[in-house]
Protein backbone atom coordinates (compact mmCIF):
# COMPACT_ATOMS: atom_id res chain seq x y z
CA MET A 1 -1.10 -39.34 -39.57
CA LYS A 2 -3.28 -37.85 -36.93
CA ASN A 3 -2.92 -34.28 -38.28
CA LEU A 4 -3.92 -35.21 -41.74
CA LYS A 5 -6.95 -36.79 -40.58
CA TYR A 6 -7.62 -33.67 -38.48
CA LEU A 7 -7.01 -31.25 -41.23
CA ARG A 8 -9.41 -33.36 -43.53
CA LYS A 9 -12.38 -33.29 -40.88
CA ILE A 10 -12.09 -29.52 -40.00
CA ASN A 11 -12.29 -28.68 -43.63
CA ASN A 12 -15.30 -31.08 -44.12
CA LEU A 13 -13.92 -33.11 -46.76
CA SER A 14 -14.33 -37.04 -47.20
CA GLN A 15 -11.38 -39.36 -47.77
CA SER A 16 -12.73 -40.00 -51.38
CA THR A 17 -12.80 -36.18 -52.15
CA LEU A 18 -9.17 -35.47 -50.91
CA ALA A 19 -8.28 -38.66 -52.63
CA LYS A 20 -9.44 -37.24 -55.95
CA ILE A 21 -7.86 -33.86 -55.21
CA LEU A 22 -4.53 -35.95 -54.83
CA ASN A 23 -5.00 -38.05 -57.57
CA VAL A 24 -4.72 -41.15 -55.50
CA SER A 25 -7.31 -43.95 -54.79
CA GLN A 26 -9.42 -43.64 -51.82
CA GLN A 27 -7.86 -46.71 -50.43
CA GLN A 28 -4.37 -45.34 -50.67
CA TYR A 29 -5.48 -42.12 -48.96
CA ALA A 30 -6.96 -44.13 -46.09
CA LYS A 31 -3.50 -45.68 -45.61
CA TYR A 32 -1.88 -42.36 -45.25
CA GLU A 33 -4.19 -41.44 -42.52
CA SER A 34 -3.71 -44.97 -40.80
CA ASP A 35 -0.09 -44.77 -40.97
CA LEU A 36 -0.10 -48.03 -43.25
CA SER A 37 1.66 -46.05 -46.09
CA GLU A 38 3.45 -42.69 -46.32
CA PRO A 39 2.71 -40.39 -49.10
CA SER A 40 5.37 -39.36 -51.68
CA LYS A 41 7.23 -36.20 -51.29
CA ASN A 42 5.28 -34.40 -53.78
CA THR A 43 1.84 -35.51 -52.26
CA ILE A 44 3.20 -34.39 -48.93
CA ILE A 45 4.07 -30.95 -50.35
CA ASN A 46 0.60 -30.87 -51.89
CA LEU A 47 -1.34 -31.60 -48.83
CA ALA A 48 0.82 -28.89 -46.92
CA ASN A 49 0.15 -26.30 -49.57
CA TYR A 50 -3.55 -27.27 -49.76
CA PHE A 51 -4.27 -27.10 -46.22
CA ASN A 52 -1.71 -24.05 -45.66
CA VAL A 53 0.27 -25.85 -43.25
CA SER A 54 4.01 -27.09 -42.97
CA THR A 55 5.14 -30.52 -44.28
CA ASP A 56 6.15 -31.08 -40.45
CA GLU A 57 2.42 -30.56 -39.51
CA ILE A 58 1.43 -33.05 -42.24
CA LEU A 59 4.01 -35.73 -41.16
CA ASP A 60 2.85 -35.19 -37.19
CA ARG A 61 6.38 -33.80 -36.50
CA LYS A 62 4.73 -30.54 -35.26
CA LYS A 63 1.27 -30.19 -33.57
CA ILE A 64 -1.53 -28.22 -35.39
CA PRO A 65 -2.65 -25.13 -32.91
CA LYS A 66 -6.39 -26.26 -32.43
CA SER A 67 -7.15 -22.59 -32.23
CA ASN A 68 -5.65 -21.82 -35.67
CA ASN A 69 -8.52 -21.04 -38.23
CA LEU A 70 -7.20 -23.32 -41.02
CA ASN A 71 -10.47 -23.33 -43.16
CA LEU A 72 -9.75 -22.13 -46.50
CA SER A 73 -12.30 -20.18 -48.91
CA LYS A 74 -13.60 -21.98 -51.88
CA LEU A 75 -11.75 -19.61 -53.97
CA GLU A 76 -8.38 -20.38 -52.16
CA LYS A 77 -8.91 -24.19 -52.55
CA LYS A 78 -9.82 -23.67 -56.41
CA SER A 79 -6.62 -21.57 -56.77
CA ILE A 80 -4.32 -24.20 -54.97
CA LEU A 81 -6.01 -27.07 -56.98
CA GLU A 82 -5.28 -25.17 -60.21
CA THR A 83 -1.82 -24.64 -59.11
CA ILE A 84 -1.24 -28.39 -58.42
CA GLU A 85 -2.81 -29.30 -61.82
CA ILE A 86 -0.39 -26.86 -63.61
CA LEU A 87 2.64 -28.17 -61.48
CA LYS A 88 1.49 -31.82 -62.56
CA LYS A 89 1.43 -30.68 -66.30
CA ILE A 90 4.93 -29.23 -65.92
CA THR A 91 6.44 -32.07 -64.31
CA GLU A 92 5.15 -34.59 -66.85
CA GLU A 93 6.62 -32.66 -69.85
């Protein structure tokens, strides 16, 4: 998943940090980027929401315009993370 690696890097995130956000191990996340494993549907959706891109862009079905400013503010990222946590709690109930 070349787009996933690109998005992570332009947002100055480590694999470890993004893995924590997604609630997966760093090793599992690394497998996503190297196409050794495909993320679950929910993880793909969470990644798309986090980076404000389409799921097709996460799955490399569509190119990400390099000129597009995809950097999210800390407040936007925090809001997305909070939403993800709420959704996780709802789905666990």
